[in-house]
C-alpha atoms as a PDB file:
ATOM      1  CA  MET A   1      -1.631  -7.968   8.000  1.00  0.00           C
ATOM      2  CA  HIS A   2      -4.980  -6.199   7.866  1.00  0.00           C
ATOM      3  CA  LYS A   3      -6.509  -4.092  10.594  1.00  0.00           C
ATOM      4  CA  PHE A   4     -10.052  -2.723  10.508  1.00  0.00           C
ATOM      5  CA  VAL A   5     -10.158   1.010  11.335  1.00  0.00           C
ATOM      6  CA  GLY A   6     -13.439   2.887  10.973  1.00  0.00           C
ATOM      7  CA  SER A   7     -14.920   1.706   7.700  1.00  0.00           C
ATOM      8  CA  HIS A   8     -11.585   0.760   6.106  1.00  0.00           C
ATOM      9  CA  TYR A   9      -9.152  -2.086   6.312  1.00  0.00           C
ATOM     10  CA  ILE A  10      -5.628  -0.830   6.904  1.00  0.00           C
ATOM     11  CA  MET A  11      -2.973  -2.941   5.220  1.00  0.00           C
ATOM     12  CA  SER A  12       0.327  -3.306   6.985  1.00  0.00           C
ATOM     13  CA  LEU A  13       2.963  -5.318   5.178  1.00  0.00           C
ATOM     14  CA  SER A  14       5.127  -7.605   7.283  1.00  0.00           C
ATOM     15  CA  LYS A  15       8.886  -7.248   7.379  1.00  0.00           C
ATOM     16  CA  GLU A  16       9.160 -10.542   5.485  1.00  0.00           C
ATOM     17  CA  GLN A  17       6.889  -9.236   2.723  1.00  0.00           C
ATOM     18  CA  ILE A  18       8.939  -6.034   2.395  1.00  0.00           C
ATOM     19  CA  GLU A  19      12.166  -8.052   2.272  1.00  0.00           C
ATOM     20  CA  HIS A  20      10.666 -10.279  -0.437  1.00  0.00           C
ATOM     21  CA  ILE A  21       9.574  -7.265  -2.511  1.00  0.00           C
ATOM     22  CA  ALA A  22      13.032  -5.703  -2.123  1.00  0.00           C
ATOM     23  CA  LYS A  23      14.649  -8.976  -3.212  1.00  0.00           C
ATOM     24  CA  LEU A  24      12.395  -9.149  -6.300  1.00  0.00           C
ATOM     25  CA  ALA A  25      13.423  -5.592  -7.146  1.00  0.00           C
ATOM     26  CA  ARG A  26      17.065  -6.497  -6.491  1.00  0.00           C
ATOM     27  CA  LEU A  27      17.348  -3.844  -3.775  1.00  0.00           C
ATOM     28  CA  GLU A  28      19.692  -4.199  -0.839  1.00  0.00           C
ATOM     29  CA  LEU A  29      18.011  -2.270   1.961  1.00  0.00           C
ATOM     30  CA  THR A  30      19.187  -1.570   5.485  1.00  0.00           C
ATOM     31  CA  GLU A  31      16.886  -2.271   8.439  1.00  0.00           C
ATOM     32  CA  GLU A  32      16.097   1.448   8.604  1.00  0.00           C
ATOM     33  CA  GLU A  33      15.207   1.530   4.901  1.00  0.00           C
ATOM     34  CA  LEU A  34      13.023  -1.584   5.267  1.00  0.00           C
ATOM     35  CA  ASP A  35      11.014   0.177   7.973  1.00  0.00           C
ATOM     36  CA  LYS A  36      10.815   3.464   6.079  1.00  0.00           C
ATOM     37  CA  TYR A  37       9.917   2.087   2.650  1.00  0.00           C
ATOM     38  CA  GLY A  38       7.687  -0.636   4.088  1.00  0.00           C
ATOM     39  CA  GLY A  39       5.575   2.018   5.777  1.00  0.00           C
ATOM     40  CA  GLN A  40       5.459   4.095   2.605  1.00  0.00           C
ATOM     41  CA  LEU A  41       4.437   1.106   0.486  1.00  0.00           C
ATOM     42  CA  SER A  42       1.719   0.192   2.974  1.00  0.00           C
ATOM     43  CA  ASP A  43       0.403   3.773   2.782  1.00  0.00           C
ATOM     44  CA  ILE A  44       0.334   3.622  -1.027  1.00  0.00           C
ATOM     45  CA  LEU A  45      -1.539   0.311  -1.017  1.00  0.00           C
ATOM     46  CA  ASN A  46      -4.054   1.685   1.501  1.00  0.00           C
ATOM     47  CA  TYR A  47      -4.647   4.731  -0.711  1.00  0.00           C
ATOM     48  CA  ILE A  48      -5.250   2.463  -3.714  1.00  0.00           C
ATOM     49  CA  ASP A  49      -7.840   0.573  -1.643  1.00  0.00           C
ATOM     50  CA  GLN A  50      -9.570   3.890  -0.920  1.00  0.00           C
ATOM     51  CA  LEU A  51      -9.645   4.726  -4.627  1.00  0.00           C
ATOM     52  CA  LYS A  52     -11.334   1.392  -5.350  1.00  0.00           C
ATOM     53  CA  GLU A  53     -14.347   2.626  -3.353  1.00  0.00           C
ATOM     54  CA  VAL A  54     -14.973   5.639  -5.615  1.00  0.00           C
ATOM     55  CA  ASP A  55     -18.139   5.346  -7.698  1.00  0.00           C
ATOM     56  CA  VAL A  56     -17.084   5.861 -11.311  1.00  0.00           C
ATOM     57  CA  ALA A  57     -20.289   4.602 -12.908  1.00  0.00           C
ATOM     58  CA  GLY A  58     -21.073   6.802 -15.884  1.00  0.00           C
ATOM     59  CA  VAL A  59     -17.607   8.366 -16.011  1.00  0.00           C
ATOM     60  CA  LEU A  60     -15.982   7.935 -19.392  1.00  0.00           C
ATOM     61  CA  PRO A  61     -12.322   6.876 -19.523  1.00  0.00           C
ATOM     62  CA  THR A  62     -10.067   9.873 -20.069  1.00  0.00           C
ATOM     63  CA  ALA A  63      -6.604   9.886 -21.610  1.00  0.00           C
ATOM     64  CA  GLN A  64      -6.225  13.602 -22.330  1.00  0.00           C
ATOM     65  CA  VAL A  65      -7.754  16.431 -20.305  1.00  0.00           C
ATOM     66  CA  THR A  66      -6.182  19.519 -21.909  1.00  0.00           C
ATOM     67  CA  GLY A  67      -7.843  19.228 -25.311  1.00  0.00           C
ATOM     68  CA  MET A  68      -4.501  18.940 -27.110  1.00  0.00           C
ATOM     69  CA  GLU A  69      -4.577  16.885 -30.231  1.00  0.00           C
ATOM     70  CA  ASN A  70      -1.798  15.127 -32.057  1.00  0.00           C
ATOM     71  CA  ILE A  71      -1.256  17.320 -35.137  1.00  0.00           C
ATOM     72  CA  PHE A  72       0.609  14.533 -36.917  1.00  0.00           C
ATOM     73  CA  ARG A  73      -2.470  12.300 -37.115  1.00  0.00           C
END
């Protein structure tokens, strides 16, 4: 399910979707765990949607930020 709040869509996964994801991961979850982890997963997916809105034009891809170099190369 999606709900529009402010300028963002808020994703809320259904119980059936959480059960399906748990089954794919071969997890046996209690009803309490389904509620808890379903909410957490929805929050993570909503945060990812927020990150998609960040303007990264002109930002070079970065793999190493400390300046360390592999001395074996």
